């Protein structure tokens, strides 16, 4: 969180996803996680730097 002239703002978000998804391979899982991150409407509204650590359990 950072402070700006008009108040505070969320400048960066680090997401950690650890999932157990039966029947999915690592490549497909990473593809879906990346697409979800890139198309998240909340992330777009916040206009913050988003990083993602996604792994299969």
C-alpha atoms as a PDB file:
ATOM      1  CA  UNK A   1       0.000   0.000   0.000  1.00  0.00           C
ATOM      2  CA  UNK A   2       1.350   3.424  -0.834  1.00  0.00           C
ATOM      3  CA  UNK A   3       0.348   6.932   0.083  1.00  0.00           C
ATOM      4  CA  UNK A   4      -0.471   9.454  -2.618  1.00  0.00           C
ATOM      5  CA  UNK A   5      -1.685  13.038  -2.620  1.00  0.00           C
ATOM      6  CA  UNK A   6      -5.336  11.957  -2.425  1.00  0.00           C
ATOM      7  CA  UNK A   7      -4.854   9.238   0.193  1.00  0.00           C
ATOM      8  CA  UNK A   8      -3.725   5.628   0.043  1.00  0.00           C
ATOM      9  CA  UNK A   9      -3.581   3.216  -2.891  1.00  0.00           C
ATOM     10  CA  UNK A  10      -2.816  -0.458  -3.342  1.00  0.00           C
ATOM     11  CA  UNK A  11       0.274  -0.414  -5.558  1.00  0.00           C
ATOM     12  CA  UNK A  12       1.044  -4.143  -5.694  1.00  0.00           C
ATOM     13  CA  UNK A  13      -0.577  -7.482  -4.943  1.00  0.00           C
ATOM     14  CA  UNK A  14       1.154 -10.863  -4.698  1.00  0.00           C
ATOM     15  CA  UNK A  15      -1.217 -13.805  -5.137  1.00  0.00           C
ATOM     16  CA  UNK A  16      -0.289 -17.309  -3.958  1.00  0.00           C
ATOM     17  CA  UNK A  17      -2.352 -20.169  -5.364  1.00  0.00           C
ATOM     18  CA  UNK A  18      -1.779 -23.767  -4.296  1.00  0.00           C
ATOM     19  CA  UNK A  19      -4.410 -26.079  -5.765  1.00  0.00           C
ATOM     20  CA  UNK A  20      -5.261 -29.742  -6.061  1.00  0.00           C
ATOM     21  CA  UNK A  21      -7.077 -30.162  -9.382  1.00  0.00           C
ATOM     22  CA  UNK A  22      -7.708 -33.771 -10.431  1.00  0.00           C
ATOM     23  CA  UNK A  23      -7.031 -34.562 -14.089  1.00  0.00           C
ATOM     24  CA  UNK A  24      -5.078 -31.394 -15.000  1.00  0.00           C
ATOM     25  CA  UNK A  25      -1.427 -31.185 -16.005  1.00  0.00           C
ATOM     26  CA  UNK A  26       0.930 -28.463 -14.861  1.00  0.00           C
ATOM     27  CA  UNK A  27       1.005 -26.683 -18.229  1.00  0.00           C
ATOM     28  CA  UNK A  28      -2.765 -26.356 -18.464  1.00  0.00           C
ATOM     29  CA  UNK A  29      -2.973 -25.288 -14.813  1.00  0.00           C
ATOM     30  CA  UNK A  30      -0.403 -22.526 -15.380  1.00  0.00           C
ATOM     31  CA  UNK A  31      -2.228 -21.403 -18.543  1.00  0.00           C
ATOM     32  CA  UNK A  32      -5.552 -21.106 -16.697  1.00  0.00           C
ATOM     33  CA  UNK A  33      -3.996 -19.366 -13.677  1.00  0.00           C
ATOM     34  CA  UNK A  34      -2.222 -16.845 -15.910  1.00  0.00           C
ATOM     35  CA  UNK A  35      -5.370 -16.123 -17.953  1.00  0.00           C
ATOM     36  CA  UNK A  36      -7.408 -15.657 -14.784  1.00  0.00           C
ATOM     37  CA  UNK A  37      -4.846 -13.201 -13.383  1.00  0.00           C
ATOM     38  CA  UNK A  38      -4.704 -11.214 -16.628  1.00  0.00           C
ATOM     39  CA  UNK A  39      -8.493 -10.969 -17.002  1.00  0.00           C
ATOM     40  CA  UNK A  40      -9.482 -10.290 -13.383  1.00  0.00           C
ATOM     41  CA  UNK A  41     -11.792  -7.247 -13.355  1.00  0.00           C
ATOM     42  CA  UNK A  42     -10.872  -6.362  -9.761  1.00  0.00           C
ATOM     43  CA  UNK A  43      -7.173  -6.292 -10.645  1.00  0.00           C
ATOM     44  CA  UNK A  44      -7.890  -4.007 -13.592  1.00  0.00           C
ATOM     45  CA  UNK A  45      -9.854  -1.579 -11.419  1.00  0.00           C
ATOM     46  CA  UNK A  46      -7.100  -1.446  -8.791  1.00  0.00           C
ATOM     47  CA  UNK A  47      -4.495  -0.729 -11.476  1.00  0.00           C
ATOM     48  CA  UNK A  48      -1.860  -2.424  -9.312  1.00  0.00           C
ATOM     49  CA  UNK A  49       1.159  -4.552 -10.161  1.00  0.00           C
ATOM     50  CA  UNK A  50      -0.057  -8.145  -9.793  1.00  0.00           C
ATOM     51  CA  UNK A  51       2.298 -11.094  -9.343  1.00  0.00           C
ATOM     52  CA  UNK A  52       1.187 -14.719  -9.151  1.00  0.00           C
ATOM     53  CA  UNK A  53       2.795 -17.821  -7.657  1.00  0.00           C
ATOM     54  CA  UNK A  54       0.587 -20.722  -8.824  1.00  0.00           C
ATOM     55  CA  UNK A  55       1.396 -24.373  -8.071  1.00  0.00           C
ATOM     56  CA  UNK A  56      -0.345 -27.705  -8.112  1.00  0.00           C
ATOM     57  CA  UNK A  57      -0.405 -29.387  -4.718  1.00  0.00           C
END
